[in-house]
Amino acid sequence: MAILCAVDFSSPSALALTAASRIASTFKQPLTILTVADPLLAAAEQMQSGTDAIAVLTGALAEFVDETLGAGASTAHHLLVTAGDPSSQILDRAEALGADLVVLATQGASGVAKFVFGSVAERVLRTSHRPVLVVPPAVADGPMRTLGAMQEVLAPIDFHEHAEADARLAHRVARASHARLRLLHVIGGGDATRWTVLRQSIATQFEEYLGGSRARQEESARAALERLSESLGGTPGPTLEVVEGPAAEQIAKVAERADVDLIVLGLRGEPGLLGARVGAVAYRVLCASPVAVLAVPHEARGRALPFLD
């Protein structure tokens, strides 16, 4: 299992690096730390000052790694500096390394090097064929438990043709960390004031009707989750939960309330607002999540990976 962590010298990417280092240590796997320079800015810097931007970044990357992980840490890992489009470079290097996991932050900003692009997590997720662990800045506000050392894993489940595969994927991740598994289904909810344009008597009828409909939806969803839970086997079984509201916001709320360490999302190869890999809800989960999100493309779910078995 090779791990690739992309950094841009920002505080969020320091969190991603910390997570990647812990995972590499837990599973005793090599870690490559990558930063990507903007080729135009790097060339301009060389022309203006005669300074080799790649050489400057190589030294800065070693300093960043030592500051983040401790003195001497830069010599224990493979450091890599390239120039080009960040998302393309991350994907190309992951392919060249045969990386089993890519780790990066959800947002970032240029640090000591003005040549560095910001966050590219969404673009990487669009086309990655490898699992991607995305670490949000909110992780800094609490304990960061990583793969191999977690307590609670959350799996949002939508009832589509890959629902069972999604549940099994999360089950494997939780089992590898000896963590509890929570299966969550979110029933889409709307604005409570949406019927105010109607006469009160009609609005009340609509609310009563929808209330009954929601009750039936919740009952059906819970029954479906119970069937999924039974198919996974093992004891104790996962915690089952059904909530109502905007999906991404509710997933984030449950993650915070239940002291979740990781959200596991199975990415489907279906057209979405943000491209073939990342749907609108998936990307909003990444933006709203208070914990790390492990996004696994459909074709990577069956691979034998240490953190999945």
Protein backbone atom coordinates (compact mmCIF):
# COMPACT_ATOMS: atom_id res chain seq x y z
CA MET A 1 0.00 0.00 0.00
CA ALA A 2 1.63 3.21 -1.17
CA ILE A 3 0.19 6.51 0.02
CA LEU A 4 0.39 9.83 -1.84
CA CYS A 5 -0.29 13.04 0.10
CA ALA A 6 -0.56 16.34 -1.78
CA VAL A 7 0.24 19.52 0.17
CA ASP A 8 0.35 23.25 -0.59
CA PHE A 9 1.98 24.55 2.63
CA SER A 10 -1.37 25.64 4.09
CA SER A 11 -2.78 24.73 7.51
CA PRO A 12 -5.42 22.43 5.97
CA SER A 13 -2.76 20.53 4.04
CA ALA A 14 -0.74 20.16 7.26
CA LEU A 15 -3.74 18.31 8.69
CA ALA A 16 -3.87 16.10 5.60
CA LEU A 17 -0.15 15.37 5.96
CA THR A 18 -0.59 14.46 9.62
CA ALA A 19 -3.39 12.05 8.71
CA ALA A 20 -1.37 10.50 5.88
CA SER A 21 1.66 10.04 8.14
CA ARG A 22 -0.41 8.29 10.80
CA ILE A 23 -1.99 5.96 8.25
CA ALA A 24 1.39 5.15 6.70
CA SER A 25 2.78 4.38 10.17
CA THR A 26 -0.23 2.26 11.17
CA PHE A 27 -0.08 0.11 8.05
CA LYS A 28 3.73 0.34 7.66
CA GLN A 29 3.51 1.69 4.11
CA PRO A 30 5.67 4.17 2.20
CA LEU A 31 4.49 7.77 2.03
CA THR A 32 5.18 10.14 -0.85
CA ILE A 33 4.56 13.84 -0.19
CA LEU A 34 3.88 15.92 -3.28
CA THR A 35 3.60 19.62 -3.96
CA VAL A 36 2.84 21.11 -7.37
CA ALA A 37 4.12 24.43 -8.72
CA ASP A 38 2.32 26.65 -11.20
CA PRO A 39 4.65 26.40 -14.23
CA LEU A 40 3.94 29.95 -15.42
CA LEU A 41 4.69 31.52 -12.04
CA ALA A 42 7.72 29.30 -11.60
CA ALA A 43 9.08 30.35 -15.00
CA ALA A 44 8.38 34.02 -14.24
CA GLU A 45 10.25 33.73 -10.94
CA GLN A 46 13.24 32.19 -12.68
CA MET A 47 13.30 34.92 -15.32
CA GLN A 48 12.95 37.71 -12.76
CA SER A 49 15.35 36.56 -10.05
CA GLY A 50 17.22 33.66 -11.57
CA THR A 51 15.91 31.42 -8.80
CA ASP A 52 14.95 27.86 -9.62
CA ALA A 53 11.42 27.63 -8.23
CA ILE A 54 11.53 23.82 -8.08
CA ALA A 55 14.69 23.93 -5.98
CA VAL A 56 13.14 26.54 -3.68
CA LEU A 57 10.01 24.45 -3.27
CA THR A 58 12.03 21.30 -2.58
CA GLY A 59 13.71 22.98 0.36
CA ALA A 60 10.45 24.55 1.53
CA LEU A 61 8.69 21.18 1.34
CA ALA A 62 11.33 19.56 3.55
CA GLU A 63 10.91 22.36 6.09
CA PHE A 64 7.12 22.06 5.97
CA VAL A 65 7.28 18.30 6.56
CA ASP A 66 9.67 18.69 9.49
CA GLU A 67 7.53 21.44 11.04
CA THR A 68 4.38 19.35 10.66
CA LEU A 69 5.61 15.88 11.56
CA GLY A 70 8.70 16.60 13.63
CA ALA A 71 12.40 17.17 13.06
CA GLY A 72 13.92 14.73 10.58
CA ALA A 73 10.58 13.53 9.24
CA SER A 74 11.43 14.79 5.75
CA THR A 75 14.23 12.24 5.47
CA ALA A 76 11.89 9.36 6.34
CA HIS A 77 9.53 9.96 3.41
CA HIS A 78 9.81 10.51 -0.32
CA LEU A 79 9.42 14.20 -1.19
CA LEU A 80 8.37 15.15 -4.70
CA VAL A 81 8.03 18.57 -6.37
CA THR A 82 6.56 18.90 -9.86
CA ALA A 83 5.14 21.67 -12.04
CA GLY A 84 1.85 21.63 -13.91
CA ASP A 85 -1.86 21.39 -13.30
CA PRO A 86 -2.23 20.18 -9.68
CA SER A 87 -5.11 17.75 -10.20
CA SER A 88 -3.46 16.21 -13.26
CA GLN A 89 -0.11 15.93 -11.48
CA ILE A 90 -1.68 14.30 -8.42
CA LEU A 91 -3.51 11.75 -10.56
CA ASP A 92 -0.47 11.07 -12.75
CA ARG A 93 1.84 10.60 -9.76
CA ALA A 94 -0.68 8.36 -8.02
CA GLU A 95 -0.76 6.22 -11.15
CA ALA A 96 3.03 6.13 -11.46
CA LEU A 97 3.46 5.19 -7.79
CA GLY A 98 0.65 2.66 -7.84
CA ALA A 99 -0.78 4.55 -4.86
CA ASP A 100 -3.55 2.76 -3.00
CA LEU A 101 -4.67 5.95 -1.25
CA VAL A 102 -4.50 9.66 -2.10
CA VAL A 103 -4.73 12.11 0.81
CA LEU A 104 -5.40 15.84 0.48
CA ALA A 105 -7.22 18.74 2.11
CA THR A 106 -10.51 20.27 1.01
CA GLN A 107 -9.07 23.76 0.76
CA GLY A 108 -5.77 25.49 0.88
CA ALA A 109 -3.86 28.59 -0.04
CA SER A 110 -0.34 29.27 -1.20
CA GLY A 111 2.08 29.34 1.69
CA VAL A 112 5.80 30.10 1.50
CA ALA A 113 5.63 29.47 -2.24
CA LYS A 114 3.55 31.78 -4.38
CA PHE A 115 3.85 29.21 -7.16
CA VAL A 116 1.44 26.80 -5.47
CA PHE A 117 -2.18 26.39 -6.47
CA GLY A 118 -4.98 26.08 -3.95
CA SER A 119 -7.34 23.21 -3.27
CA VAL A 120 -7.96 20.71 -6.06
CA ALA A 121 -9.85 18.03 -4.13
CA GLU A 122 -13.01 18.29 -6.19
CA ARG A 123 -11.15 17.99 -9.50
CA VAL A 124 -9.19 14.97 -8.27
CA LEU A 125 -12.39 13.26 -7.17
CA ARG A 126 -13.97 13.76 -10.58
CA THR A 127 -11.60 11.38 -12.30
CA SER A 128 -9.71 9.39 -9.67
CA HIS A 129 -9.85 5.61 -9.93
CA ARG A 130 -8.23 5.33 -6.50
CA PRO A 131 -9.60 5.93 -3.00
CA VAL A 132 -9.20 9.55 -1.90
CA LEU A 133 -9.16 10.67 1.73
CA VAL A 134 -10.19 14.32 2.03
CA VAL A 135 -9.37 16.07 5.31
CA PRO A 136 -11.36 19.25 6.12
CA PRO A 137 -10.03 22.15 8.22
CA ALA A 138 -12.67 21.41 10.89
CA VAL A 139 -10.66 18.34 11.93
CA ALA A 140 -8.31 20.73 13.74
CA ASP A 141 -11.07 21.45 16.27
CA GLY A 142 -11.12 17.96 17.77
CA PRO A 143 -9.23 14.67 18.04
CA MET A 144 -8.22 13.33 14.64
CA ARG A 145 -8.54 9.56 14.63
CA THR A 146 -7.41 8.05 11.34
CA LEU A 147 -7.74 4.80 9.40
CA GLY A 148 -6.66 1.93 11.60
CA ALA A 149 -7.42 3.79 14.83
CA MET A 150 -11.04 4.94 14.65
CA GLN A 151 -14.09 4.47 16.85
CA GLU A 152 -17.09 5.33 14.64
CA VAL A 153 -17.55 5.22 10.85
CA LEU A 154 -20.56 6.80 9.14
CA ALA A 155 -21.92 5.49 5.84
CA PRO A 156 -24.63 7.59 4.16
CA ILE A 157 -26.80 5.15 2.21
CA ASP A 158 -28.98 6.07 -0.74
CA PHE A 159 -31.20 3.29 -2.02
CA HIS A 160 -29.86 2.86 -5.54
CA GLU A 161 -28.39 -0.18 -7.27
CA HIS A 162 -25.04 0.22 -5.48
CA ALA A 163 -26.50 0.58 -1.98
CA GLU A 164 -25.33 -2.86 -0.83
CA ALA A 165 -21.85 -2.26 -2.27
CA ASP A 166 -21.67 1.06 -0.41
CA ALA A 167 -22.67 -0.61 2.86
CA ARG A 168 -20.13 -3.41 2.40
CA LEU A 169 -17.40 -0.91 1.62
CA ALA A 170 -18.06 1.02 4.84
CA HIS A 171 -18.29 -2.26 6.76
CA ARG A 172 -14.81 -3.23 5.52
CA VAL A 173 -13.36 0.14 6.50
CA ALA A 174 -14.91 -0.02 9.98
CA ARG A 175 -13.80 -3.62 10.49
CA ALA A 176 -10.19 -2.74 9.59
CA SER A 177 -10.19 -0.16 12.41
CA HIS A 178 -12.30 -2.21 14.85
CA ALA A 179 -14.72 0.72 14.74
CA ARG A 180 -18.48 0.90 15.07
CA LEU A 181 -20.46 1.37 11.85
CA ARG A 182 -23.43 3.70 11.50
CA LEU A 183 -25.67 3.41 8.43
CA LEU A 184 -27.59 6.61 7.69
CA HIS A 185 -30.35 7.38 5.23
CA VAL A 186 -31.49 10.97 4.71
CA ILE A 187 -35.05 11.65 3.58
CA GLY A 188 -35.06 14.90 1.63
CA GLY A 189 -36.88 17.67 3.46
CA GLY A 190 -38.10 21.09 2.42
CA ASP A 191 -38.81 24.49 3.84
CA ALA A 192 -41.38 24.43 6.65
CA THR A 193 -42.91 27.65 5.32
CA ARG A 194 -43.54 26.38 1.79
CA TRP A 195 -47.33 26.21 2.23
CA THR A 196 -47.85 29.71 3.61
CA VAL A 197 -49.23 30.91 0.28
CA LEU A 198 -52.23 28.61 0.74
CA ARG A 199 -55.27 29.12 2.91
CA GLN A 200 -54.62 27.75 6.39
CA SER A 201 -57.10 24.90 6.05
CA ILE A 202 -55.52 23.69 2.80
CA ALA A 203 -51.99 24.15 4.15
CA THR A 204 -52.90 22.02 7.16
CA GLN A 205 -54.21 19.28 4.90
CA PHE A 206 -50.98 19.30 2.89
CA GLU A 207 -48.86 19.09 6.04
CA GLU A 208 -50.96 16.23 7.41
CA TYR A 209 -50.68 14.37 4.11
CA LEU A 210 -46.92 14.89 3.85
CA GLY A 211 -46.49 13.97 7.49
CA GLY A 212 -48.10 10.62 6.82
CA SER A 213 -46.03 10.21 3.70
CA ARG A 214 -42.82 10.99 5.60
CA ALA A 215 -43.75 8.49 8.29
CA ARG A 216 -44.15 5.81 5.62
CA GLN A 217 -40.86 6.84 4.03
CA GLU A 218 -39.07 6.61 7.34
CA GLU A 219 -40.58 3.20 8.07
CA SER A 220 -39.57 1.90 4.63
CA ALA A 221 -36.07 3.37 4.92
CA ARG A 222 -35.48 1.82 8.32
CA ALA A 223 -36.68 -1.55 7.06
CA ALA A 224 -34.29 -1.29 4.10
CA LEU A 225 -31.39 -0.40 6.41
CA GLU A 226 -32.23 -3.39 8.59
CA ARG A 227 -32.03 -5.66 5.55
CA LEU A 228 -28.68 -4.15 4.62
CA SER A 229 -27.44 -4.64 8.18
CA GLU A 230 -28.47 -8.31 8.15
CA SER A 231 -26.65 -8.84 4.84
CA LEU A 232 -23.40 -7.58 6.37
CA GLY A 233 -23.43 -10.13 9.16
CA GLY A 234 -21.34 -9.97 12.29
CA THR A 235 -22.14 -8.74 15.80
CA PRO A 236 -22.78 -6.22 17.01
CA GLY A 237 -24.55 -4.94 13.95
CA PRO A 238 -24.30 -1.34 12.75
CA THR A 239 -26.28 1.50 14.26
CA LEU A 240 -29.17 2.45 11.97
CA GLU A 241 -30.47 5.98 11.62
CA VAL A 242 -33.00 7.77 9.40
CA VAL A 243 -33.22 11.56 9.40
CA GLU A 244 -34.96 14.20 7.29
CA GLY A 245 -33.61 17.35 5.70
CA PRO A 246 -31.01 18.55 3.20
CA ALA A 247 -28.71 15.57 2.71
CA ALA A 248 -25.25 17.11 3.09
CA GLU A 249 -26.22 19.21 6.10
CA GLN A 250 -27.88 16.28 7.85
CA ILE A 251 -24.90 14.00 7.21
CA ALA A 252 -22.60 16.63 8.74
CA LYS A 253 -24.91 17.07 11.75
CA VAL A 254 -25.06 13.34 12.43
CA ALA A 255 -21.28 13.07 12.08
CA GLU A 256 -20.78 15.77 14.69
CA ARG A 257 -23.48 14.55 17.07
CA ALA A 258 -22.38 10.91 16.96
CA ASP A 259 -18.66 11.71 17.36
CA VAL A 260 -17.93 10.10 13.99
CA ASP A 261 -14.29 9.77 12.89
CA LEU A 262 -14.82 9.15 9.18
CA ILE A 263 -17.52 9.41 6.52
CA VAL A 264 -17.30 6.78 3.79
CA LEU A 265 -18.75 7.70 0.40
CA GLY A 266 -18.97 5.33 -2.53
CA LEU A 267 -18.62 7.34 -5.74
CA ARG A 268 -20.78 6.29 -8.64
CA GLY A 269 -19.83 6.69 -12.28
CA GLU A 270 -22.97 8.61 -13.14
CA PRO A 271 -23.28 12.14 -14.54
CA GLY A 272 -23.67 14.74 -11.84
CA LEU A 273 -23.53 18.48 -11.32
CA LEU A 274 -19.76 18.36 -10.90
CA GLY A 275 -18.91 15.69 -13.46
CA ALA A 276 -18.92 11.97 -13.94
CA ARG A 277 -17.57 11.11 -10.50
CA VAL A 278 -18.77 13.64 -7.96
CA GLY A 279 -22.44 14.40 -7.56
CA ALA A 280 -23.75 17.59 -6.03
CA VAL A 281 -24.54 15.95 -2.70
CA ALA A 282 -21.13 14.25 -2.50
CA TYR A 283 -19.29 17.52 -2.99
CA ARG A 284 -21.50 19.34 -0.46
CA VAL A 285 -20.69 16.59 2.04
CA LEU A 286 -16.99 17.27 1.48
CA CYS A 287 -17.55 20.99 2.10
CA ALA A 288 -19.76 20.60 5.17
CA SER A 289 -18.17 17.61 6.89
CA PRO A 290 -16.57 18.11 10.31
CA VAL A 291 -14.52 14.92 9.81
CA ALA A 292 -12.44 13.31 7.10
CA VAL A 293 -14.24 11.80 4.11
CA LEU A 294 -13.04 8.67 2.34
CA ALA A 295 -14.35 8.68 -1.23
CA VAL A 296 -13.99 5.38 -3.06
CA PRO A 297 -14.72 5.06 -6.79
CA HIS A 298 -16.91 2.14 -7.74
CA GLU A 299 -14.15 0.22 -9.51
CA ALA A 300 -11.85 0.44 -6.47
CA ARG A 301 -14.28 -1.05 -3.97
CA GLY A 302 -13.26 -4.66 -4.51
CA ARG A 303 -9.51 -4.08 -4.38
CA ALA A 304 -7.51 -5.73 -1.59
CA LEU A 305 -6.29 -2.75 0.43
CA PRO A 306 -4.89 -2.88 3.99
CA PHE A 307 -7.26 -0.21 5.30
CA LEU A 308 -10.26 -2.07 3.85
CA ASP A 309 -9.55 -5.52 5.26
